[in-house]
Amino acid sequence: MMPVVRIPDPIYKRLQAIAVPFEDTPVTVIEKLLDEYEARQQLQKMPQAEDCETENVISVNLAAENYHILNPDSPDHLHHTRVLQAYLNNQQIKKPNWNKIVDKVHELAIHQGMSVDELIKVTLCRIVQGEKHDSGFHYLPDVNISVQGVDANLAWRNTFHLLKTLKIPVEIYFEWRNKEGAAYPGEKGKLIWSHQ
């Protein structure tokens, strides 16, 4: 039998303020808060890469900055965003961008033993075995595949689909540029997911 928890009215109102209307329940809001807390704990334990160039990496100070915490299954529009920091499988990606994150998750899939044929069947990305440089493809020599570049929204969709298949945790911190069409111009967001 599941335990029953009584939530005082003031705390319930705070939960309602975080909830997405017609989507969230008190349980899903509590899950999001727990995910956020666990992600912060995990991030504090992560060693920072020593060889990162300071001008290319912006340190994320969770205590000092406000981030829009996006639902990884349906994030707000990621158009006009710039990745600040990214971690796949608790490893920091140097000089990250959306397509580099896509590349890294495909490399991880092959390093975990997935064949290129299996990867082609599972991924949402357009990939080919071997070297290809036309039609937006770029070559990943470490795993001998070429991946077609995409915009930020497709990059996240494709990355998240493969991450869930491989059960690889991810943390991405980014900012919206001050441009027309950006969901939150000048503000920061994060996408965090881990297989439970």
N, C-alpha and C. Protein backbone atom coordinates (compact mmCIF):
# COMPACT_ATOMS: atom_id res chain seq x y z
N MET A 1 0.83 -1.20 0.00
CA MET A 1 0.00 0.00 0.00
C MET A 1 0.87 1.25 0.00
N MET A 2 0.53 2.22 -0.82
CA MET A 2 1.32 3.45 -0.90
C MET A 2 1.01 4.35 0.28
N PRO A 3 2.05 5.02 0.83
CA PRO A 3 1.81 5.93 1.96
C PRO A 3 1.03 7.16 1.51
N VAL A 4 0.22 7.68 2.39
CA VAL A 4 -0.54 8.90 2.12
C VAL A 4 0.19 10.05 2.80
N VAL A 5 0.46 11.11 2.04
CA VAL A 5 1.16 12.27 2.59
C VAL A 5 0.21 13.46 2.53
N ARG A 6 0.02 14.10 3.65
CA ARG A 6 -0.82 15.30 3.69
C ARG A 6 0.07 16.52 3.45
N ILE A 7 -0.35 17.36 2.51
CA ILE A 7 0.44 18.54 2.14
C ILE A 7 -0.28 19.78 2.66
N PRO A 8 0.38 20.56 3.51
CA PRO A 8 -0.26 21.79 4.01
C PRO A 8 -0.59 22.73 2.85
N ASP A 9 -1.66 23.52 3.02
CA ASP A 9 -2.11 24.44 1.97
C ASP A 9 -1.03 25.35 1.43
N PRO A 10 -0.20 25.98 2.28
CA PRO A 10 0.83 26.88 1.73
C PRO A 10 1.82 26.14 0.81
N ILE A 11 2.19 24.92 1.16
CA ILE A 11 3.12 24.15 0.33
C ILE A 11 2.43 23.69 -0.94
N TYR A 12 1.16 23.32 -0.83
CA TYR A 12 0.40 22.91 -2.02
C TYR A 12 0.32 24.06 -3.02
N LYS A 13 0.12 25.29 -2.52
CA LYS A 13 0.07 26.46 -3.40
C LYS A 13 1.41 26.68 -4.09
N ARG A 14 2.51 26.43 -3.37
CA ARG A 14 3.84 26.56 -3.97
C ARG A 14 4.02 25.52 -5.07
N LEU A 15 3.54 24.31 -4.83
CA LEU A 15 3.62 23.27 -5.86
C LEU A 15 2.80 23.65 -7.09
N GLN A 16 1.63 24.23 -6.85
CA GLN A 16 0.77 24.66 -7.97
C GLN A 16 1.46 25.73 -8.82
N ALA A 17 2.25 26.58 -8.18
CA ALA A 17 2.94 27.65 -8.90
C ALA A 17 3.99 27.09 -9.85
N ILE A 18 4.53 25.91 -9.54
CA ILE A 18 5.55 25.28 -10.38
C ILE A 18 4.91 24.42 -11.47
N ALA A 19 3.71 23.94 -11.21
CA ALA A 19 3.06 22.96 -12.10
C ALA A 19 2.73 23.54 -13.47
N VAL A 20 2.81 22.66 -14.48
CA VAL A 20 2.37 23.01 -15.83
C VAL A 20 0.88 22.66 -15.91
N PRO A 21 0.00 23.65 -16.17
CA PRO A 21 -1.44 23.37 -16.19
C PRO A 21 -1.81 22.25 -17.16
N PHE A 22 -2.75 21.41 -16.74
CA PHE A 22 -3.27 20.29 -17.53
C PHE A 22 -2.24 19.20 -17.79
N GLU A 23 -1.06 19.30 -17.21
CA GLU A 23 -0.03 18.27 -17.39
C GLU A 23 0.39 17.67 -16.06
N ASP A 24 0.74 18.55 -15.11
CA ASP A 24 1.33 18.08 -13.86
C ASP A 24 0.28 17.75 -12.81
N THR A 25 0.67 16.81 -11.98
CA THR A 25 -0.06 16.48 -10.75
C THR A 25 0.89 16.79 -9.60
N PRO A 26 0.41 16.77 -8.35
CA PRO A 26 1.35 16.97 -7.24
C PRO A 26 2.52 15.99 -7.29
N VAL A 27 2.27 14.77 -7.70
CA VAL A 27 3.34 13.77 -7.76
C VAL A 27 4.38 14.13 -8.82
N THR A 28 3.94 14.57 -10.02
CA THR A 28 4.92 14.91 -11.06
C THR A 28 5.73 16.14 -10.69
N VAL A 29 5.11 17.09 -9.98
CA VAL A 29 5.85 18.27 -9.54
C VAL A 29 6.89 17.86 -8.50
N ILE A 30 6.51 17.01 -7.57
CA ILE A 30 7.47 16.53 -6.56
C ILE A 30 8.60 15.77 -7.23
N GLU A 31 8.27 14.96 -8.25
CA GLU A 31 9.31 14.24 -9.00
C GLU A 31 10.29 15.21 -9.64
N LYS A 32 9.78 16.29 -10.25
CA LYS A 32 10.65 17.28 -10.88
C LYS A 32 11.58 17.91 -9.84
N LEU A 33 11.01 18.24 -8.68
CA LEU A 33 11.83 18.84 -7.62
C LEU A 33 12.90 17.88 -7.13
N LEU A 34 12.53 16.60 -7.00
CA LEU A 34 13.52 15.60 -6.59
C LEU A 34 14.59 15.42 -7.65
N ASP A 35 14.18 15.40 -8.93
CA ASP A 35 15.16 15.29 -10.02
C ASP A 35 16.14 16.45 -9.99
N GLU A 36 15.60 17.65 -9.77
CA GLU A 36 16.45 18.84 -9.71
C GLU A 36 17.42 18.75 -8.53
N TYR A 37 16.92 18.35 -7.37
CA TYR A 37 17.78 18.22 -6.18
C TYR A 37 18.87 17.19 -6.43
N GLU A 38 18.50 16.02 -6.98
CA GLU A 38 19.49 14.97 -7.22
C GLU A 38 20.51 15.41 -8.27
N ALA A 39 20.06 16.15 -9.29
CA ALA A 39 20.99 16.63 -10.32
C ALA A 39 21.98 17.62 -9.72
N ARG A 40 21.50 18.48 -8.82
CA ARG A 40 22.42 19.43 -8.16
C ARG A 40 23.44 18.69 -7.32
N GLN A 41 22.98 17.68 -6.58
CA GLN A 41 23.90 16.89 -5.76
C GLN A 41 24.95 16.21 -6.63
N GLN A 42 24.50 15.66 -7.75
CA GLN A 42 25.41 14.97 -8.66
C GLN A 42 26.40 15.94 -9.28
N LEU A 43 25.93 17.13 -9.65
CA LEU A 43 26.80 18.12 -10.26
C LEU A 43 27.87 18.58 -9.28
N GLN A 44 27.53 18.71 -8.00
CA GLN A 44 28.50 19.14 -7.00
C GLN A 44 29.61 18.11 -6.83
N LYS A 45 29.28 16.82 -7.08
CA LYS A 45 30.28 15.76 -6.93
C LYS A 45 31.18 15.63 -8.15
N MET A 46 30.77 16.24 -9.29
CA MET A 46 31.52 16.09 -10.54
C MET A 46 32.79 16.91 -10.52
N PRO A 47 33.93 16.28 -10.87
CA PRO A 47 35.15 17.07 -11.02
C PRO A 47 35.07 17.90 -12.29
N GLN A 48 35.55 19.11 -12.24
CA GLN A 48 35.58 19.94 -13.45
C GLN A 48 36.80 19.55 -14.27
N ALA A 49 36.65 19.57 -15.58
CA ALA A 49 37.76 19.21 -16.47
C ALA A 49 38.87 20.23 -16.30
N GLU A 50 40.10 19.74 -16.06
CA GLU A 50 41.22 20.63 -15.79
C GLU A 50 41.72 21.32 -17.04
N ASP A 51 41.55 20.68 -18.20
CA ASP A 51 42.15 21.21 -19.41
C ASP A 51 41.18 22.05 -20.23
N CYS A 52 40.08 22.49 -19.65
CA CYS A 52 39.15 23.35 -20.39
C CYS A 52 39.73 24.76 -20.50
N GLU A 53 39.57 25.37 -21.65
CA GLU A 53 40.02 26.74 -21.83
C GLU A 53 38.98 27.67 -21.25
N THR A 54 39.41 28.58 -20.37
CA THR A 54 38.46 29.41 -19.64
C THR A 54 37.64 30.30 -20.54
N GLU A 55 38.19 30.77 -21.67
CA GLU A 55 37.39 31.65 -22.49
C GLU A 55 36.28 30.92 -23.23
N ASN A 56 36.35 29.60 -23.31
CA ASN A 56 35.35 28.83 -24.04
C ASN A 56 34.35 28.12 -23.14
N VAL A 57 34.60 28.10 -21.84
CA VAL A 57 33.71 27.40 -20.92
C VAL A 57 33.22 28.40 -19.88
N ILE A 58 31.92 28.47 -19.72
CA ILE A 58 31.33 29.35 -18.72
C ILE A 58 30.91 28.49 -17.54
N SER A 59 31.46 28.74 -16.37
CA SER A 59 31.11 27.95 -15.20
C SER A 59 29.67 28.21 -14.83
N VAL A 60 28.97 27.14 -14.49
CA VAL A 60 27.58 27.25 -14.09
C VAL A 60 27.53 27.27 -12.57
N ASN A 61 27.06 28.36 -12.01
CA ASN A 61 26.90 28.48 -10.57
C ASN A 61 25.41 28.38 -10.28
N LEU A 62 24.98 27.19 -9.87
CA LEU A 62 23.55 26.96 -9.68
C LEU A 62 22.96 27.82 -8.58
N ALA A 63 23.76 28.14 -7.58
CA ALA A 63 23.23 28.92 -6.46
C ALA A 63 23.01 30.37 -6.86
N ALA A 64 23.82 30.88 -7.80
CA ALA A 64 23.77 32.30 -8.11
C ALA A 64 22.87 32.64 -9.29
N GLU A 65 22.50 31.66 -10.11
CA GLU A 65 21.76 31.96 -11.33
C GLU A 65 20.42 31.24 -11.35
N ASN A 66 19.46 31.86 -12.02
CA ASN A 66 18.15 31.23 -12.19
C ASN A 66 18.09 30.58 -13.56
N TYR A 67 17.65 29.34 -13.59
CA TYR A 67 17.54 28.59 -14.84
C TYR A 67 16.10 28.16 -15.04
N HIS A 68 15.65 28.24 -16.29
CA HIS A 68 14.38 27.63 -16.65
C HIS A 68 14.65 26.13 -16.73
N ILE A 69 13.99 25.34 -15.90
CA ILE A 69 14.16 23.89 -15.92
C ILE A 69 13.13 23.34 -16.89
N LEU A 70 13.61 22.85 -18.02
CA LEU A 70 12.71 22.40 -19.07
C LEU A 70 12.43 20.91 -18.96
N ASN A 71 11.23 20.54 -19.34
CA ASN A 71 10.86 19.13 -19.39
C ASN A 71 11.61 18.50 -20.56
N PRO A 72 12.47 17.50 -20.32
CA PRO A 72 13.25 16.93 -21.42
C PRO A 72 12.40 16.29 -22.51
N ASP A 73 11.19 15.82 -22.16
CA ASP A 73 10.32 15.22 -23.16
C ASP A 73 9.70 16.25 -24.10
N SER A 74 9.52 17.47 -23.62
CA SER A 74 8.92 18.51 -24.46
C SER A 74 9.44 19.88 -24.03
N PRO A 75 10.71 20.16 -24.31
CA PRO A 75 11.26 21.45 -23.88
C PRO A 75 10.66 22.61 -24.69
N ASP A 76 10.73 23.80 -24.12
CA ASP A 76 10.33 24.99 -24.87
C ASP A 76 11.24 25.13 -26.09
N HIS A 77 10.89 26.00 -26.97
CA HIS A 77 11.67 26.18 -28.19
C HIS A 77 13.14 26.46 -27.86
N LEU A 78 14.02 25.71 -28.50
CA LEU A 78 15.45 25.86 -28.28
C LEU A 78 16.11 26.69 -29.38
N HIS A 79 15.30 27.25 -30.28
CA HIS A 79 15.88 28.12 -31.31
C HIS A 79 16.65 29.26 -30.64
N HIS A 80 17.73 29.68 -31.25
CA HIS A 80 18.54 30.80 -30.77
C HIS A 80 19.11 30.54 -29.38
N THR A 81 19.57 29.30 -29.15
CA THR A 81 20.22 28.99 -27.87
C THR A 81 21.68 28.65 -28.11
N ARG A 82 22.46 28.86 -27.05
CA ARG A 82 23.89 28.55 -27.07
C ARG A 82 24.18 27.68 -25.86
N VAL A 83 24.81 26.52 -26.08
CA VAL A 83 25.12 25.60 -24.98
C VAL A 83 26.29 26.18 -24.18
N LEU A 84 26.13 26.20 -22.84
CA LEU A 84 27.18 26.68 -21.95
C LEU A 84 28.02 25.51 -21.43
N GLN A 85 27.34 24.51 -20.90
CA GLN A 85 28.02 23.30 -20.42
C GLN A 85 27.14 22.11 -20.71
N ALA A 86 27.79 20.96 -20.93
CA ALA A 86 27.04 19.74 -21.20
C ALA A 86 27.79 18.56 -20.62
N TYR A 87 27.03 17.63 -20.04
CA TYR A 87 27.58 16.40 -19.46
C TYR A 87 26.79 15.22 -19.99
N LEU A 88 27.49 14.24 -20.53
CA LEU A 88 26.88 12.97 -20.94
C LEU A 88 27.53 11.88 -20.13
N ASN A 89 26.71 11.06 -19.49
CA ASN A 89 27.25 9.97 -18.67
C ASN A 89 28.24 10.51 -17.65
N ASN A 90 27.94 11.69 -17.10
CA ASN A 90 28.75 12.36 -16.08
C ASN A 90 30.11 12.82 -16.59
N GLN A 91 30.31 12.87 -17.89
CA GLN A 91 31.55 13.36 -18.48
C GLN A 91 31.28 14.69 -19.17
N GLN A 92 32.11 15.69 -18.86
CA GLN A 92 31.91 17.01 -19.46
C GLN A 92 32.36 17.00 -20.91
N ILE A 93 31.54 17.60 -21.76
CA ILE A 93 31.89 17.77 -23.18
C ILE A 93 32.61 19.10 -23.31
N LYS A 94 33.80 19.08 -23.89
CA LYS A 94 34.55 20.32 -24.07
C LYS A 94 33.98 21.11 -25.24
N LYS A 95 33.92 22.43 -25.09
CA LYS A 95 33.43 23.34 -26.11
C LYS A 95 32.13 22.83 -26.75
N PRO A 96 31.09 22.63 -25.94
CA PRO A 96 29.89 21.98 -26.46
C PRO A 96 29.02 22.88 -27.34
N ASN A 97 28.32 22.24 -28.26
CA ASN A 97 27.22 22.86 -28.99
C ASN A 97 26.21 21.74 -29.25
N TRP A 98 25.05 22.07 -29.78
CA TRP A 98 24.00 21.06 -29.91
C TRP A 98 24.43 19.89 -30.79
N ASN A 99 25.08 20.16 -31.91
CA ASN A 99 25.48 19.06 -32.79
C ASN A 99 26.63 18.25 -32.22
N LYS A 100 27.49 18.88 -31.43
CA LYS A 100 28.57 18.13 -30.78
C LYS A 100 27.98 17.15 -29.75
N ILE A 101 26.90 17.55 -29.09
CA ILE A 101 26.23 16.66 -28.14
C ILE A 101 25.64 15.46 -28.89
N VAL A 102 25.02 15.72 -30.06
CA VAL A 102 24.50 14.63 -30.90
C VAL A 102 25.64 13.67 -31.26
N ASP A 103 26.77 14.23 -31.69
CA ASP A 103 27.92 13.40 -32.06
C ASP A 103 28.37 12.53 -30.90
N LYS A 104 28.49 13.14 -29.73
CA LYS A 104 29.01 12.41 -28.56
C LYS A 104 28.12 11.25 -28.17
N VAL A 105 26.80 11.43 -28.23
CA VAL A 105 25.91 10.34 -27.83
C VAL A 105 25.99 9.19 -28.85
N HIS A 106 26.22 9.51 -30.12
CA HIS A 106 26.40 8.45 -31.12
C HIS A 106 27.72 7.73 -30.91
N GLU A 107 28.75 8.47 -30.56
CA GLU A 107 30.04 7.84 -30.24
C GLU A 107 29.91 6.93 -29.03
N LEU A 108 29.20 7.41 -28.00
CA LEU A 108 28.98 6.58 -26.81
C LEU A 108 28.26 5.28 -27.15
N ALA A 109 27.26 5.37 -28.02
CA ALA A 109 26.50 4.17 -28.41
C ALA A 109 27.43 3.12 -29.02
N ILE A 110 28.31 3.56 -29.90
CA ILE A 110 29.24 2.61 -30.54
C ILE A 110 30.27 2.11 -29.54
N HIS A 111 30.75 2.99 -28.67
CA HIS A 111 31.72 2.56 -27.65
C HIS A 111 31.10 1.58 -26.65
N GLN A 112 29.78 1.64 -26.49
CA GLN A 112 29.10 0.69 -25.60
C GLN A 112 28.81 -0.63 -26.30
N GLY A 113 29.23 -0.76 -27.56
CA GLY A 113 29.09 -2.05 -28.24
C GLY A 113 28.01 -2.12 -29.30
N MET A 114 27.30 -1.04 -29.55
CA MET A 114 26.27 -1.05 -30.58
C MET A 114 26.94 -0.99 -31.96
N SER A 115 26.50 -1.82 -32.87
CA SER A 115 27.05 -1.78 -34.22
C SER A 115 26.47 -0.59 -34.98
N VAL A 116 27.14 -0.21 -36.06
CA VAL A 116 26.65 0.91 -36.87
C VAL A 116 25.27 0.58 -37.44
N ASP A 117 25.07 -0.67 -37.88
CA ASP A 117 23.76 -1.07 -38.41
C ASP A 117 22.67 -0.95 -37.35
N GLU A 118 22.98 -1.38 -36.12
CA GLU A 118 22.01 -1.26 -35.02
C GLU A 118 21.72 0.21 -34.74
N LEU A 119 22.78 1.03 -34.75
CA LEU A 119 22.63 2.45 -34.46
C LEU A 119 21.76 3.13 -35.52
N ILE A 120 21.95 2.77 -36.77
CA ILE A 120 21.14 3.35 -37.86
C ILE A 120 19.66 3.03 -37.64
N LYS A 121 19.35 1.84 -37.12
CA LYS A 121 17.96 1.45 -36.88
C LYS A 121 17.35 2.19 -35.69
N VAL A 122 18.18 2.51 -34.69
CA VAL A 122 17.68 3.08 -33.44
C VAL A 122 17.63 4.60 -33.46
N THR A 123 18.61 5.24 -34.06
CA THR A 123 18.72 6.70 -33.99
C THR A 123 17.66 7.39 -34.85
N LEU A 124 17.34 8.62 -34.47
CA LEU A 124 16.47 9.47 -35.28
C LEU A 124 17.29 10.33 -36.24
N CYS A 125 18.62 10.33 -36.06
CA CYS A 125 19.51 11.12 -36.91
C CYS A 125 19.75 10.41 -38.23
N ARG A 126 20.14 11.21 -39.21
CA ARG A 126 20.60 10.63 -40.47
C ARG A 126 22.09 10.38 -40.32
N ILE A 127 22.49 9.11 -40.32
CA ILE A 127 23.90 8.76 -40.23
C ILE A 127 24.24 7.75 -41.32
N VAL A 128 25.50 7.75 -41.72
CA VAL A 128 25.99 6.76 -42.68
C VAL A 128 27.34 6.26 -42.19
N GLN A 129 27.65 5.04 -42.54
CA GLN A 129 28.97 4.51 -42.19
C GLN A 129 29.99 5.10 -43.14
N GLY A 130 31.15 5.46 -42.62
CA GLY A 130 32.22 6.01 -43.44
C GLY A 130 32.16 7.53 -43.50
N GLU A 131 32.96 8.07 -44.41
CA GLU A 131 33.17 9.52 -44.48
C GLU A 131 32.25 10.16 -45.51
N LYS A 132 31.52 11.19 -45.07
CA LYS A 132 30.61 11.93 -45.96
C LYS A 132 30.63 13.39 -45.52
N HIS A 133 30.78 14.30 -46.48
CA HIS A 133 30.88 15.72 -46.13
C HIS A 133 29.86 16.60 -46.85
N ASP A 134 29.04 16.04 -47.72
CA ASP A 134 28.04 16.87 -48.40
C ASP A 134 26.70 16.78 -47.67
N SER A 135 25.74 17.58 -48.08
CA SER A 135 24.37 17.59 -47.52
C SER A 135 24.34 17.78 -46.00
N GLY A 136 25.30 18.55 -45.48
CA GLY A 136 25.31 18.85 -44.05
C GLY A 136 25.91 17.76 -43.17
N PHE A 137 26.49 16.72 -43.76
CA PHE A 137 27.11 15.65 -42.97
C PHE A 137 28.52 16.08 -42.53
N HIS A 138 28.92 15.55 -41.39
CA HIS A 138 30.30 15.71 -40.92
C HIS A 138 30.77 14.36 -40.38
N TYR A 139 32.07 14.14 -40.47
CA TYR A 139 32.66 12.83 -40.20
C TYR A 139 33.16 12.73 -38.76
N LEU A 140 32.89 11.60 -38.12
CA LEU A 140 33.40 11.29 -36.78
C LEU A 140 34.42 10.17 -36.93
N PRO A 141 35.70 10.51 -37.08
CA PRO A 141 36.71 9.49 -37.38
C PRO A 141 36.87 8.43 -36.30
N ASP A 142 36.61 8.79 -35.06
CA ASP A 142 36.78 7.84 -33.94
C ASP A 142 35.88 6.63 -34.08
N VAL A 143 34.70 6.80 -34.70
CA VAL A 143 33.75 5.68 -34.84
C VAL A 143 33.39 5.40 -36.29
N ASN A 144 34.04 6.12 -37.23
CA ASN A 144 33.88 5.90 -38.66
C ASN A 144 32.42 6.01 -39.13
N ILE A 145 31.75 7.06 -38.64
CA ILE A 145 30.40 7.36 -39.15
C ILE A 145 30.33 8.84 -39.48
N SER A 146 29.37 9.20 -40.29
CA SER A 146 29.09 10.61 -40.59
C SER A 146 27.66 10.90 -40.14
N VAL A 147 27.48 12.07 -39.52
CA VAL A 147 26.19 12.47 -38.96
C VAL A 147 25.76 13.77 -39.62
N GLN A 148 24.48 13.87 -39.96
CA GLN A 148 23.97 15.10 -40.57
C GLN A 148 23.63 16.10 -39.48
N GLY A 149 24.11 17.33 -39.63
CA GLY A 149 23.83 18.38 -38.67
C GLY A 149 22.37 18.83 -38.74
N VAL A 150 21.85 19.28 -37.59
CA VAL A 150 20.46 19.72 -37.50
C VAL A 150 20.38 20.94 -36.58
N ASP A 151 19.19 21.56 -36.50
CA ASP A 151 19.01 22.70 -35.60
C ASP A 151 18.90 22.22 -34.15
N ALA A 152 18.88 23.17 -33.22
CA ALA A 152 18.90 22.84 -31.79
C ALA A 152 17.73 21.97 -31.36
N ASN A 153 16.52 22.25 -31.85
CA ASN A 153 15.35 21.46 -31.45
C ASN A 153 15.48 20.01 -31.89
N LEU A 154 15.87 19.79 -33.15
CA LEU A 154 16.05 18.42 -33.62
C LEU A 154 17.24 17.76 -32.95
N ALA A 155 18.29 18.53 -32.70
CA ALA A 155 19.46 17.97 -32.02
C ALA A 155 19.07 17.42 -30.66
N TRP A 156 18.27 18.20 -29.89
CA TRP A 156 17.84 17.71 -28.58
C TRP A 156 16.93 16.51 -28.72
N ARG A 157 15.95 16.57 -29.64
CA ARG A 157 15.02 15.44 -29.83
C ARG A 157 15.80 14.17 -30.16
N ASN A 158 16.75 14.27 -31.08
CA ASN A 158 17.52 13.10 -31.50
C ASN A 158 18.42 12.59 -30.37
N THR A 159 19.05 13.53 -29.66
CA THR A 159 19.91 13.16 -28.53
C THR A 159 19.10 12.46 -27.45
N PHE A 160 17.97 13.05 -27.08
CA PHE A 160 17.19 12.50 -25.97
C PHE A 160 16.64 11.12 -26.31
N HIS A 161 16.23 10.93 -27.55
CA HIS A 161 15.74 9.61 -27.98
C HIS A 161 16.82 8.54 -27.78
N LEU A 162 18.04 8.85 -28.20
CA LEU A 162 19.13 7.88 -28.09
C LEU A 162 19.58 7.71 -26.64
N LEU A 163 19.59 8.81 -25.87
CA LEU A 163 19.95 8.73 -24.45
C LEU A 163 19.02 7.79 -23.69
N LYS A 164 17.71 7.89 -23.97
CA LYS A 164 16.75 7.02 -23.29
C LYS A 164 16.98 5.56 -23.68
N THR A 165 17.30 5.32 -24.95
CA THR A 165 17.57 3.95 -25.40
C THR A 165 18.79 3.39 -24.68
N LEU A 166 19.83 4.21 -24.54
CA LEU A 166 21.09 3.77 -23.94
C LEU A 166 21.11 3.90 -22.42
N LYS A 167 20.09 4.59 -21.87
CA LYS A 167 20.01 4.85 -20.42
C LYS A 167 21.23 5.65 -19.93
N ILE A 168 21.56 6.70 -20.67
CA ILE A 168 22.70 7.56 -20.34
C ILE A 168 22.18 8.86 -19.76
N PRO A 169 22.66 9.27 -18.56
CA PRO A 169 22.21 10.55 -17.99
C PRO A 169 22.80 11.74 -18.75
N VAL A 170 22.08 12.85 -18.69
CA VAL A 170 22.50 14.06 -19.40
C VAL A 170 22.18 15.29 -18.58
N GLU A 171 23.04 16.30 -18.68
CA GLU A 171 22.79 17.63 -18.12
C GLU A 171 23.28 18.64 -19.14
N ILE A 172 22.42 19.54 -19.55
CA ILE A 172 22.80 20.57 -20.51
C ILE A 172 22.36 21.92 -19.96
N TYR A 173 23.29 22.86 -19.91
CA TYR A 173 23.03 24.22 -19.46
C TYR A 173 23.24 25.13 -20.67
N PHE A 174 22.28 26.00 -20.94
CA PHE A 174 22.34 26.81 -22.15
C PHE A 174 21.72 28.17 -21.88
N GLU A 175 21.87 29.07 -22.86
CA GLU A 175 21.22 30.37 -22.76
C GLU A 175 20.58 30.72 -24.09
N TRP A 176 19.48 31.45 -23.99
CA TRP A 176 18.82 31.98 -25.18
C TRP A 176 19.52 33.28 -25.57
N ARG A 177 19.83 33.42 -26.84
CA ARG A 177 20.43 34.66 -27.31
C ARG A 177 19.37 35.77 -27.32
N ASN A 178 19.82 37.00 -27.28
CA ASN A 178 18.90 38.14 -27.35
C ASN A 178 18.48 38.36 -28.79
N LYS A 179 17.60 37.50 -29.27
CA LYS A 179 17.16 37.57 -30.66
C LYS A 179 15.65 37.43 -30.71
N GLU A 180 15.06 38.02 -31.72
CA GLU A 180 13.63 37.85 -31.94
C GLU A 180 13.36 36.39 -32.26
N GLY A 181 12.37 35.81 -31.63
CA GLY A 181 12.05 34.40 -31.84
C GLY A 181 12.60 33.49 -30.76
N ALA A 182 13.49 34.01 -29.91
CA ALA A 182 14.00 33.22 -28.78
C ALA A 182 12.89 33.13 -27.72
N ALA A 183 12.77 31.95 -27.11
CA ALA A 183 11.70 31.75 -26.12
C ALA A 183 11.87 32.65 -24.90
N TYR A 184 13.11 32.78 -24.40
CA TYR A 184 13.40 33.62 -23.23
C TYR A 184 14.68 34.41 -23.51
N PRO A 185 14.61 35.46 -24.31
CA PRO A 185 15.83 36.18 -24.70
C PRO A 185 16.69 36.58 -23.50
N GLY A 186 17.99 36.22 -23.58
CA GLY A 186 18.94 36.60 -22.54
C GLY A 186 18.89 35.76 -21.28
N GLU A 187 17.98 34.80 -21.21
CA GLU A 187 17.85 33.98 -20.00
C GLU A 187 18.49 32.61 -20.22
N LYS A 188 18.60 31.85 -19.11
CA LYS A 188 19.28 30.56 -19.16
C LYS A 188 18.30 29.42 -18.89
N GLY A 189 18.63 28.26 -19.40
CA GLY A 189 17.80 27.08 -19.19
C GLY A 189 18.65 25.85 -18.98
N LYS A 190 18.02 24.78 -18.53
CA LYS A 190 18.74 23.52 -18.38
C LYS A 190 17.83 22.35 -18.67
N LEU A 191 18.44 21.31 -19.18
CA LEU A 191 17.78 20.04 -19.46
C LEU A 191 18.54 18.98 -18.70
N ILE A 192 17.84 18.27 -17.84
CA ILE A 192 18.48 17.23 -17.02
C ILE A 192 17.63 15.98 -17.09
N TRP A 193 18.29 14.84 -17.34
CA TRP A 193 17.57 13.57 -17.37
C TRP A 193 18.49 12.47 -16.91
N SER A 194 17.94 11.55 -16.16
CA SER A 194 18.70 10.39 -15.75
C SER A 194 17.74 9.20 -15.64
N HIS A 195 18.19 8.05 -16.11
CA HIS A 195 17.35 6.85 -16.09
C HIS A 195 17.16 6.41 -14.65
N GLN A 196 15.93 6.20 -14.26
CA GLN A 196 15.65 5.77 -12.87
C GLN A 196 15.52 4.26 -12.81
